[in-house]
């Protein structure tokens, strides 16, 4: 890149363990996927083919190849997993993953009910052969899970073999770790992160103001999911302090800069 700015936040590099951007593909065509990869491949760590869209997507194999050729792993949405599980077809789901050479999957129970013990057993079994992302939280806005239970479930699923635990929000950003109006349930998130390392979590945050909250709270390298494809570049600017929402959060004072001195003096003066 020919543009150069000093004192930007240090971003993790692919393949990332933290600072992950998980993108939600709701039905892109092959051409759209190609266009997306031409711009966003460097900033995208994994693509989820949302809910059951992969079941009805034409030329699915070609589309997956576009992403994988660009260095972006793909996996099927958690609702498709639930649809197979509901019908007692878990072996068929495993065969589906193998057919398309999918190495990751999401184990969720956001719509169907299964016991914590059964879910952990499934995670333990599938994690022998796949990278497992487990998802915690209900898609039902009327179902409120107390913080202590979030913490216990997350710990248990990490112990069972989950690579990361996704904190539910849906594509709307109005359930799970958010209130129906999209407001962050900050007390819940703080209680979770007090006991679970942030790098083990992926927070679904489809809305800009939600992304800003997490970046301000946990820094540039917080893991974020359910990002719309058109929001990947805008999100990266938020991570780097190149959008007004986070510009001053990642501004580093420089002793030789006249503007820095004015800001510093103003700060000292205000504190006095």
Protein backbone atom coordinates (compact mmCIF):
# COMPACT_ATOMS: atom_id res chain seq x y z
CA UNK A 1 0.00 0.00 0.00
CA UNK A 2 1.38 3.41 -1.02
CA UNK A 3 -0.50 5.26 1.74
CA UNK A 4 1.45 5.36 5.00
CA UNK A 5 0.29 6.39 8.47
CA UNK A 6 2.26 5.89 11.65
CA UNK A 7 0.95 4.73 15.01
CA UNK A 8 -1.94 2.66 13.67
CA UNK A 9 -3.11 -0.25 15.86
CA UNK A 10 -1.23 -3.47 15.13
CA UNK A 11 -3.61 -5.87 13.42
CA UNK A 12 -3.12 -9.59 13.60
CA UNK A 13 -2.27 -11.33 10.34
CA UNK A 14 -3.91 -14.28 8.60
CA UNK A 15 -4.31 -17.02 9.60
CA UNK A 16 -5.63 -15.20 12.67
CA UNK A 17 -6.37 -16.58 16.09
CA UNK A 18 -7.78 -13.22 17.17
CA UNK A 19 -9.09 -10.20 15.31
CA UNK A 20 -11.25 -12.57 13.25
CA UNK A 21 -13.84 -11.17 10.86
CA UNK A 22 -16.53 -13.78 10.17
CA UNK A 23 -18.64 -12.80 7.16
CA UNK A 24 -22.26 -13.77 6.55
CA UNK A 25 -23.03 -14.71 2.93
CA UNK A 26 -26.82 -14.72 2.52
CA UNK A 27 -26.86 -15.94 -1.07
CA UNK A 28 -24.13 -14.32 -3.14
CA UNK A 29 -23.73 -15.41 -6.75
CA UNK A 30 -20.40 -16.71 -8.02
CA UNK A 31 -19.72 -13.33 -9.64
CA UNK A 32 -20.52 -11.49 -6.42
CA UNK A 33 -18.25 -13.85 -4.46
CA UNK A 34 -15.43 -13.21 -6.96
CA UNK A 35 -15.87 -9.44 -6.66
CA UNK A 36 -15.96 -9.69 -2.88
CA UNK A 37 -12.75 -11.73 -2.73
CA UNK A 38 -10.93 -9.33 -5.04
CA UNK A 39 -11.28 -6.58 -2.41
CA UNK A 40 -11.90 -8.24 0.95
CA UNK A 41 -9.93 -11.51 1.02
CA UNK A 42 -7.14 -10.02 3.18
CA UNK A 43 -9.64 -8.86 5.80
CA UNK A 44 -11.94 -11.91 5.85
CA UNK A 45 -11.07 -14.94 7.96
CA UNK A 46 -14.07 -17.17 7.37
CA UNK A 47 -17.35 -17.04 5.43
CA UNK A 48 -20.55 -18.57 6.76
CA UNK A 49 -23.17 -19.51 4.18
CA UNK A 50 -26.09 -18.26 6.26
CA UNK A 51 -28.67 -20.59 7.85
CA UNK A 52 -29.87 -23.02 5.09
CA UNK A 53 -28.95 -20.97 2.02
CA UNK A 54 -26.34 -23.50 0.89
CA UNK A 55 -29.14 -26.06 0.37
CA UNK A 56 -30.79 -23.91 -2.31
CA UNK A 57 -27.72 -22.19 -3.80
CA UNK A 58 -27.02 -23.16 -7.43
CA UNK A 59 -23.42 -24.03 -8.38
CA UNK A 60 -22.52 -24.37 -4.70
CA UNK A 61 -19.29 -26.25 -5.35
CA UNK A 62 -18.01 -23.53 -7.71
CA UNK A 63 -18.91 -20.81 -5.25
CA UNK A 64 -17.11 -22.52 -2.36
CA UNK A 65 -14.05 -22.87 -4.61
CA UNK A 66 -14.02 -19.11 -5.23
CA UNK A 67 -13.70 -18.49 -1.49
CA UNK A 68 -11.20 -21.27 -0.78
CA UNK A 69 -9.00 -20.25 -3.74
CA UNK A 70 -8.88 -16.78 -2.15
CA UNK A 71 -7.69 -18.31 1.13
CA UNK A 72 -11.05 -17.98 2.91
CA UNK A 73 -12.50 -21.06 4.67
CA UNK A 74 -16.24 -21.60 4.28
CA UNK A 75 -18.78 -23.35 6.47
CA UNK A 76 -22.54 -23.94 6.43
CA UNK A 77 -24.88 -22.02 8.73
CA UNK A 78 -25.86 -23.40 12.10
CA UNK A 79 -29.53 -23.66 11.13
CA UNK A 80 -28.64 -26.22 8.42
CA UNK A 81 -26.85 -28.24 11.11
CA UNK A 82 -29.98 -28.00 13.27
CA UNK A 83 -32.19 -29.10 10.34
CA UNK A 84 -30.10 -32.25 9.88
CA UNK A 85 -29.92 -32.92 13.62
CA UNK A 86 -33.69 -32.48 13.98
CA UNK A 87 -34.20 -35.22 11.39
CA UNK A 88 -31.65 -37.58 12.94
CA UNK A 89 -29.32 -37.16 9.95
CA UNK A 90 -26.07 -36.14 11.62
CA UNK A 91 -24.11 -38.75 9.63
CA UNK A 92 -25.59 -37.36 6.42
CA UNK A 93 -24.47 -33.88 7.49
CA UNK A 94 -20.94 -35.13 8.05
CA UNK A 95 -21.04 -36.69 4.56
CA UNK A 96 -22.22 -33.36 3.14
CA UNK A 97 -19.24 -31.56 4.67
CA UNK A 98 -16.86 -34.16 3.30
CA UNK A 99 -18.42 -33.96 -0.17
CA UNK A 100 -17.73 -30.22 -0.36
CA UNK A 101 -14.39 -30.50 1.48
CA UNK A 102 -15.68 -28.27 4.28
CA UNK A 103 -13.35 -28.47 7.29
CA UNK A 104 -15.32 -26.27 9.72
CA UNK A 105 -18.85 -26.35 11.05
CA UNK A 106 -21.12 -24.63 13.51
CA UNK A 107 -22.86 -26.56 16.25
CA UNK A 108 -25.84 -24.55 17.42
CA UNK A 109 -29.18 -24.99 19.15
CA UNK A 110 -30.58 -21.50 18.70
CA UNK A 111 -33.90 -22.80 17.35
CA UNK A 112 -34.22 -26.45 18.35
CA UNK A 113 -33.83 -27.71 21.89
CA UNK A 114 -31.15 -30.22 22.80
CA UNK A 115 -29.67 -30.79 26.21
CA UNK A 116 -26.32 -29.24 27.12
CA UNK A 117 -24.93 -32.74 27.57
CA UNK A 118 -25.97 -33.87 24.08
CA UNK A 119 -24.58 -30.71 22.50
CA UNK A 120 -21.25 -31.17 24.27
CA UNK A 121 -21.13 -34.80 23.14
CA UNK A 122 -21.69 -33.73 19.52
CA UNK A 123 -18.96 -31.07 19.79
CA UNK A 124 -16.54 -33.58 21.26
CA UNK A 125 -17.21 -36.09 18.49
CA UNK A 126 -17.12 -33.66 15.55
CA UNK A 127 -14.06 -31.79 16.82
CA UNK A 128 -12.01 -34.94 16.15
CA UNK A 129 -12.34 -34.30 12.40
CA UNK A 130 -13.48 -30.67 12.02
CA UNK A 131 -12.87 -27.21 13.39
CA UNK A 132 -15.99 -26.63 15.49
CA UNK A 133 -17.52 -23.25 16.19
CA UNK A 134 -20.22 -23.65 18.81
CA UNK A 135 -22.90 -21.03 19.19
CA UNK A 136 -24.50 -20.01 22.47
CA UNK A 137 -27.72 -18.02 22.80
CA UNK A 138 -31.28 -18.31 21.60
CA UNK A 139 -32.81 -16.82 18.46
CA UNK A 140 -36.01 -16.29 20.46
CA UNK A 141 -36.01 -12.66 21.74
CA UNK A 142 -38.25 -13.69 24.65
CA UNK A 143 -35.79 -16.27 25.96
CA UNK A 144 -33.36 -14.58 28.34
CA UNK A 145 -30.42 -16.72 29.44
CA UNK A 146 -28.90 -15.53 32.74
CA UNK A 147 -25.23 -14.52 32.63
CA UNK A 148 -24.01 -17.34 34.89
CA UNK A 149 -25.52 -19.87 32.48
CA UNK A 150 -23.85 -18.23 29.47
CA UNK A 151 -20.51 -18.54 31.26
CA UNK A 152 -21.07 -22.17 32.27
CA UNK A 153 -22.20 -23.24 28.79
CA UNK A 154 -19.30 -21.46 27.07
CA UNK A 155 -16.75 -23.06 29.41
CA UNK A 156 -18.27 -26.51 28.88
CA UNK A 157 -18.30 -26.18 25.08
CA UNK A 158 -14.70 -24.96 24.96
CA UNK A 159 -13.74 -27.92 27.15
CA UNK A 160 -15.65 -30.23 24.79
CA UNK A 161 -13.47 -29.12 21.88
CA UNK A 162 -15.00 -25.99 20.36
CA UNK A 163 -12.34 -23.83 18.66
CA UNK A 164 -14.31 -20.64 19.35
CA UNK A 165 -17.71 -19.94 20.87
CA UNK A 166 -19.99 -17.62 18.93
CA UNK A 167 -22.21 -15.36 21.03
CA UNK A 168 -25.61 -15.21 19.32
CA UNK A 169 -27.13 -12.04 17.89
CA UNK A 170 -28.68 -13.21 14.57
CA UNK A 171 -28.24 -11.14 11.41
CA UNK A 172 -30.58 -8.53 12.92
CA UNK A 173 -28.45 -7.88 16.01
CA UNK A 174 -31.54 -7.89 18.23
CA UNK A 175 -31.26 -11.08 20.32
CA UNK A 176 -28.71 -12.89 22.46
CA UNK A 177 -26.03 -10.41 23.54
CA UNK A 178 -28.25 -7.52 22.36
CA UNK A 179 -31.60 -6.20 23.46
CA UNK A 180 -34.50 -6.12 20.94
CA UNK A 181 -33.63 -2.49 20.10
CA UNK A 182 -30.04 -3.49 19.23
CA UNK A 183 -28.53 -2.11 22.44
CA UNK A 184 -25.58 -4.07 23.82
CA UNK A 185 -26.26 -6.09 26.96
CA UNK A 186 -23.03 -4.75 28.41
CA UNK A 187 -23.42 -6.32 31.86
CA UNK A 188 -23.84 -9.76 30.29
CA UNK A 189 -20.80 -9.34 28.03
CA UNK A 190 -18.61 -8.03 30.86
CA UNK A 191 -19.59 -10.97 33.06
CA UNK A 192 -18.73 -13.40 30.25
CA UNK A 193 -15.37 -11.79 29.47
CA UNK A 194 -14.47 -11.57 33.16
CA UNK A 195 -14.34 -15.37 33.15
CA UNK A 196 -13.70 -16.35 29.51
CA UNK A 197 -10.67 -15.13 27.51
CA UNK A 198 -11.93 -12.75 24.81
CA UNK A 199 -9.84 -14.50 22.14
CA UNK A 200 -11.98 -17.63 22.63
CA UNK A 201 -15.16 -15.75 21.72
CA UNK A 202 -16.69 -14.45 18.50
CA UNK A 203 -19.32 -11.76 19.03
CA UNK A 204 -21.98 -11.49 16.35
CA UNK A 205 -22.22 -7.76 15.65
CA UNK A 206 -23.95 -6.96 12.36
CA UNK A 207 -24.55 -3.25 13.08
CA UNK A 208 -21.88 -0.55 12.97
CA UNK A 209 -22.66 0.84 16.42
CA UNK A 210 -22.32 -2.69 17.86
CA UNK A 211 -18.96 -3.17 16.14
CA UNK A 212 -17.80 0.19 17.51
CA UNK A 213 -18.77 -0.83 21.05
CA UNK A 214 -16.76 -4.06 20.92
CA UNK A 215 -13.72 -2.41 19.33
CA UNK A 216 -13.68 0.38 21.90
CA UNK A 217 -14.11 -2.15 24.70
CA UNK A 218 -11.73 -4.91 23.61
CA UNK A 219 -9.50 -3.34 20.97
CA UNK A 220 -8.79 -3.76 17.28
CA UNK A 221 -8.33 -7.52 17.47
CA UNK A 222 -11.68 -8.52 18.93
CA UNK A 223 -13.39 -11.37 17.03
CA UNK A 224 -16.58 -10.24 15.27
CA UNK A 225 -19.15 -12.26 13.32
CA UNK A 226 -22.24 -11.94 11.13
CA UNK A 227 -20.54 -9.12 9.24
CA UNK A 228 -22.28 -8.23 5.99
CA UNK A 229 -19.94 -8.55 2.97
CA UNK A 230 -20.31 -4.86 2.13
CA UNK A 231 -19.29 -3.97 5.70
CA UNK A 232 -15.90 -5.75 5.73
CA UNK A 233 -13.89 -2.74 4.52
CA UNK A 234 -15.79 -0.29 6.77
CA UNK A 235 -15.18 -2.64 9.73
CA UNK A 236 -11.46 -2.78 9.00
CA UNK A 237 -11.33 1.03 9.09
CA UNK A 238 -13.02 0.93 12.50
CA UNK A 239 -10.40 -1.56 13.70
CA UNK A 240 -7.61 0.78 12.56
CA UNK A 241 -9.07 4.05 13.81
CA UNK A 242 -9.67 5.29 10.26
CA UNK A 243 -13.33 6.16 10.78
CA UNK A 244 -14.55 8.95 13.00
CA UNK A 245 -16.18 6.50 15.45
CA UNK A 246 -12.77 5.15 16.57
CA UNK A 247 -10.33 7.78 15.29
CA UNK A 248 -9.46 9.18 18.72
CA UNK A 249 -9.42 5.77 20.40
CA UNK A 250 -6.36 4.70 18.46
CA UNK A 251 -4.62 8.06 18.17
CA UNK A 252 -1.06 7.90 19.53
CA UNK A 253 0.60 11.10 20.80
CA UNK A 254 3.87 12.06 19.16
CA UNK A 255 6.21 14.42 21.01
CA UNK A 256 7.37 16.03 17.76
CA UNK A 257 3.91 16.79 16.44
CA UNK A 258 2.56 20.31 17.09
CA UNK A 259 -1.06 19.14 17.06
CA UNK A 260 -0.18 16.44 19.58
CA UNK A 261 1.27 19.07 21.91
CA UNK A 262 -1.92 21.15 21.71
CA UNK A 263 -4.05 18.09 22.50
CA UNK A 264 -1.75 17.09 25.36
CA UNK A 265 -1.69 20.59 26.86
CA UNK A 266 -5.45 20.85 26.61
CA UNK A 267 -5.82 17.51 28.39
CA UNK A 268 -3.46 18.57 31.21
CA UNK A 269 -5.21 21.91 31.53
CA UNK A 270 -8.64 20.27 31.74
CA UNK A 271 -7.42 17.81 34.39
CA UNK A 272 -6.10 20.69 36.52
